[in-house]
């Protein structure tokens, strides 16, 4: 499992995303731009949520890791030590409502759930751990 840990700041967003995508591309030799763009979007949404909301009263860190299993599935894990928050506990947005009547927020996790094959959250030893899996992509 490859890992990187950086301050949870917007200026590190691209470094974190590039770390995942470059490693995944090198390991799997995927050239499908659609898959890469979807992985980018999922990672960006999850990371922006951590950067914006995990540390409301202080600064903190974010750890990102990825692994590719023997079947070719990509496993991405995003860890923070911020306030407890289970993004999967939020109700799905009502996309049938007119735009002006919709609740603010919730579309990011909805997109992640639609793009990734598995998304799991757990709170472990003061850590928020979000795991996203995309099955065989090579």
Protein backbone atom coordinates (compact mmCIF):
# COMPACT_ATOMS: atom_id res chain seq x y z
CA UNK A 1 0.00 0.00 0.00
CA UNK A 2 1.41 3.39 -1.04
CA UNK A 3 0.71 6.32 1.29
CA UNK A 4 1.14 10.06 1.63
CA UNK A 5 0.32 12.34 4.57
CA UNK A 6 0.03 16.12 4.18
CA UNK A 7 -1.60 19.06 5.96
CA UNK A 8 -5.32 19.15 5.16
CA UNK A 9 -5.14 22.32 3.08
CA UNK A 10 -6.59 23.16 -0.32
CA UNK A 11 -3.08 23.89 -1.64
CA UNK A 12 -2.29 20.16 -1.22
CA UNK A 13 -5.37 18.90 -3.07
CA UNK A 14 -3.66 18.38 -6.44
CA UNK A 15 -0.64 16.71 -4.82
CA UNK A 16 -2.91 14.21 -3.09
CA UNK A 17 -4.97 13.48 -6.22
CA UNK A 18 -1.88 13.21 -8.43
CA UNK A 19 -0.28 10.81 -5.94
CA UNK A 20 -3.23 8.44 -6.31
CA UNK A 21 -3.81 8.76 -10.05
CA UNK A 22 -0.16 8.58 -11.11
CA UNK A 23 0.35 5.47 -9.00
CA UNK A 24 -2.81 3.80 -10.25
CA UNK A 25 -1.95 4.58 -13.88
CA UNK A 26 1.62 3.34 -13.51
CA UNK A 27 0.53 0.11 -11.88
CA UNK A 28 -2.47 -0.73 -14.04
CA UNK A 29 -1.42 0.83 -17.35
CA UNK A 30 -4.90 2.25 -17.79
CA UNK A 31 -5.24 4.74 -20.56
CA UNK A 32 -9.01 5.15 -20.45
CA UNK A 33 -9.51 8.87 -19.78
CA UNK A 34 -13.10 8.28 -18.67
CA UNK A 35 -12.00 5.98 -15.83
CA UNK A 36 -9.20 8.32 -14.79
CA UNK A 37 -11.55 11.31 -14.80
CA UNK A 38 -14.08 9.43 -12.68
CA UNK A 39 -11.42 8.39 -10.18
CA UNK A 40 -10.20 12.00 -10.09
CA UNK A 41 -13.71 13.30 -9.42
CA UNK A 42 -14.31 10.79 -6.61
CA UNK A 43 -10.99 11.55 -4.96
CA UNK A 44 -11.45 15.29 -5.31
CA UNK A 45 -14.93 15.25 -3.77
CA UNK A 46 -13.81 13.14 -0.80
CA UNK A 47 -10.63 15.16 -0.21
CA UNK A 48 -12.35 18.55 -0.47
CA UNK A 49 -14.87 17.44 2.17
CA UNK A 50 -12.05 16.55 4.55
CA UNK A 51 -10.14 19.75 3.83
CA UNK A 52 -13.21 21.94 4.29
CA UNK A 53 -14.96 20.27 7.22
CA UNK A 54 -12.75 17.92 9.28
CA UNK A 55 -10.83 20.54 11.21
CA UNK A 56 -13.17 23.48 11.88
CA UNK A 57 -11.26 24.79 14.92
CA UNK A 58 -7.70 23.85 14.01
CA UNK A 59 -5.38 22.57 11.35
CA UNK A 60 -4.88 18.89 10.77
CA UNK A 61 -3.55 16.26 8.44
CA UNK A 62 -4.93 14.01 5.79
CA UNK A 63 -3.50 10.64 4.84
CA UNK A 64 -4.20 9.08 1.48
CA UNK A 65 -3.26 5.58 0.44
CA UNK A 66 -4.00 3.33 -2.49
CA UNK A 67 -3.45 -0.27 -3.37
CA UNK A 68 -4.29 -2.49 -6.31
CA UNK A 69 -5.27 -6.03 -5.36
CA UNK A 70 -4.53 -9.24 -7.24
CA UNK A 71 -7.80 -8.91 -9.18
CA UNK A 72 -6.94 -5.42 -10.40
CA UNK A 73 -9.31 -3.53 -8.09
CA UNK A 74 -8.14 -0.13 -6.88
CA UNK A 75 -8.56 0.52 -3.14
CA UNK A 76 -8.28 4.16 -2.04
CA UNK A 77 -8.32 5.13 1.63
CA UNK A 78 -8.66 8.66 2.98
CA UNK A 79 -7.96 9.19 6.68
CA UNK A 80 -8.30 12.26 8.87
CA UNK A 81 -8.19 12.89 12.60
CA UNK A 82 -10.89 15.54 12.56
CA UNK A 83 -14.41 15.70 13.90
CA UNK A 84 -16.34 12.44 13.52
CA UNK A 85 -18.35 12.49 10.31
CA UNK A 86 -19.90 9.63 8.38
CA UNK A 87 -20.62 10.96 4.87
CA UNK A 88 -22.61 7.83 4.09
CA UNK A 89 -25.16 8.69 6.78
CA UNK A 90 -26.45 11.63 4.77
CA UNK A 91 -29.65 11.01 2.78
CA UNK A 92 -29.29 10.95 -0.99
CA UNK A 93 -30.23 14.25 -2.62
CA UNK A 94 -33.65 14.45 -4.23
CA UNK A 95 -32.69 15.07 -7.83
CA UNK A 96 -36.33 15.35 -8.87
CA UNK A 97 -36.79 18.60 -6.96
CA UNK A 98 -36.27 21.87 -8.83
CA UNK A 99 -32.76 23.20 -8.28
CA UNK A 100 -33.90 26.09 -6.08
CA UNK A 101 -35.72 23.69 -3.71
CA UNK A 102 -32.84 21.24 -3.18
CA UNK A 103 -30.86 21.06 0.03
CA UNK A 104 -27.31 22.42 -0.16
CA UNK A 105 -24.66 19.71 -0.11
CA UNK A 106 -24.76 15.98 -0.57
CA UNK A 107 -24.09 15.82 -4.31
CA UNK A 108 -20.40 15.02 -3.85
CA UNK A 109 -20.94 11.83 -1.86
CA UNK A 110 -23.81 10.92 -4.21
CA UNK A 111 -21.40 11.13 -7.17
CA UNK A 112 -18.79 9.08 -5.31
CA UNK A 113 -21.39 6.38 -4.61
CA UNK A 114 -22.40 6.31 -8.28
CA UNK A 115 -18.82 6.20 -9.60
CA UNK A 116 -17.14 3.78 -7.19
CA UNK A 117 -18.12 0.13 -6.78
CA UNK A 118 -17.73 0.15 -2.98
CA UNK A 119 -17.65 3.02 -0.50
CA UNK A 120 -17.25 2.40 3.22
CA UNK A 121 -16.79 4.62 6.26
CA UNK A 122 -15.58 3.76 9.72
CA UNK A 123 -14.45 5.66 12.79
CA UNK A 124 -11.43 3.99 14.36
CA UNK A 125 -9.19 5.34 17.12
CA UNK A 126 -10.15 8.99 16.59
CA UNK A 127 -9.83 8.64 12.80
CA UNK A 128 -12.37 9.03 10.03
CA UNK A 129 -11.58 6.38 7.41
CA UNK A 130 -13.24 6.49 4.02
CA UNK A 131 -12.50 3.56 1.72
CA UNK A 132 -13.41 3.64 -1.95
CA UNK A 133 -13.00 0.68 -4.30
CA UNK A 134 -13.19 0.51 -8.07
CA UNK A 135 -13.19 -3.05 -9.43
CA UNK A 136 -10.95 -4.29 -12.19
CA UNK A 137 -9.96 -1.31 -14.27
CA UNK A 138 -7.12 -2.72 -16.36
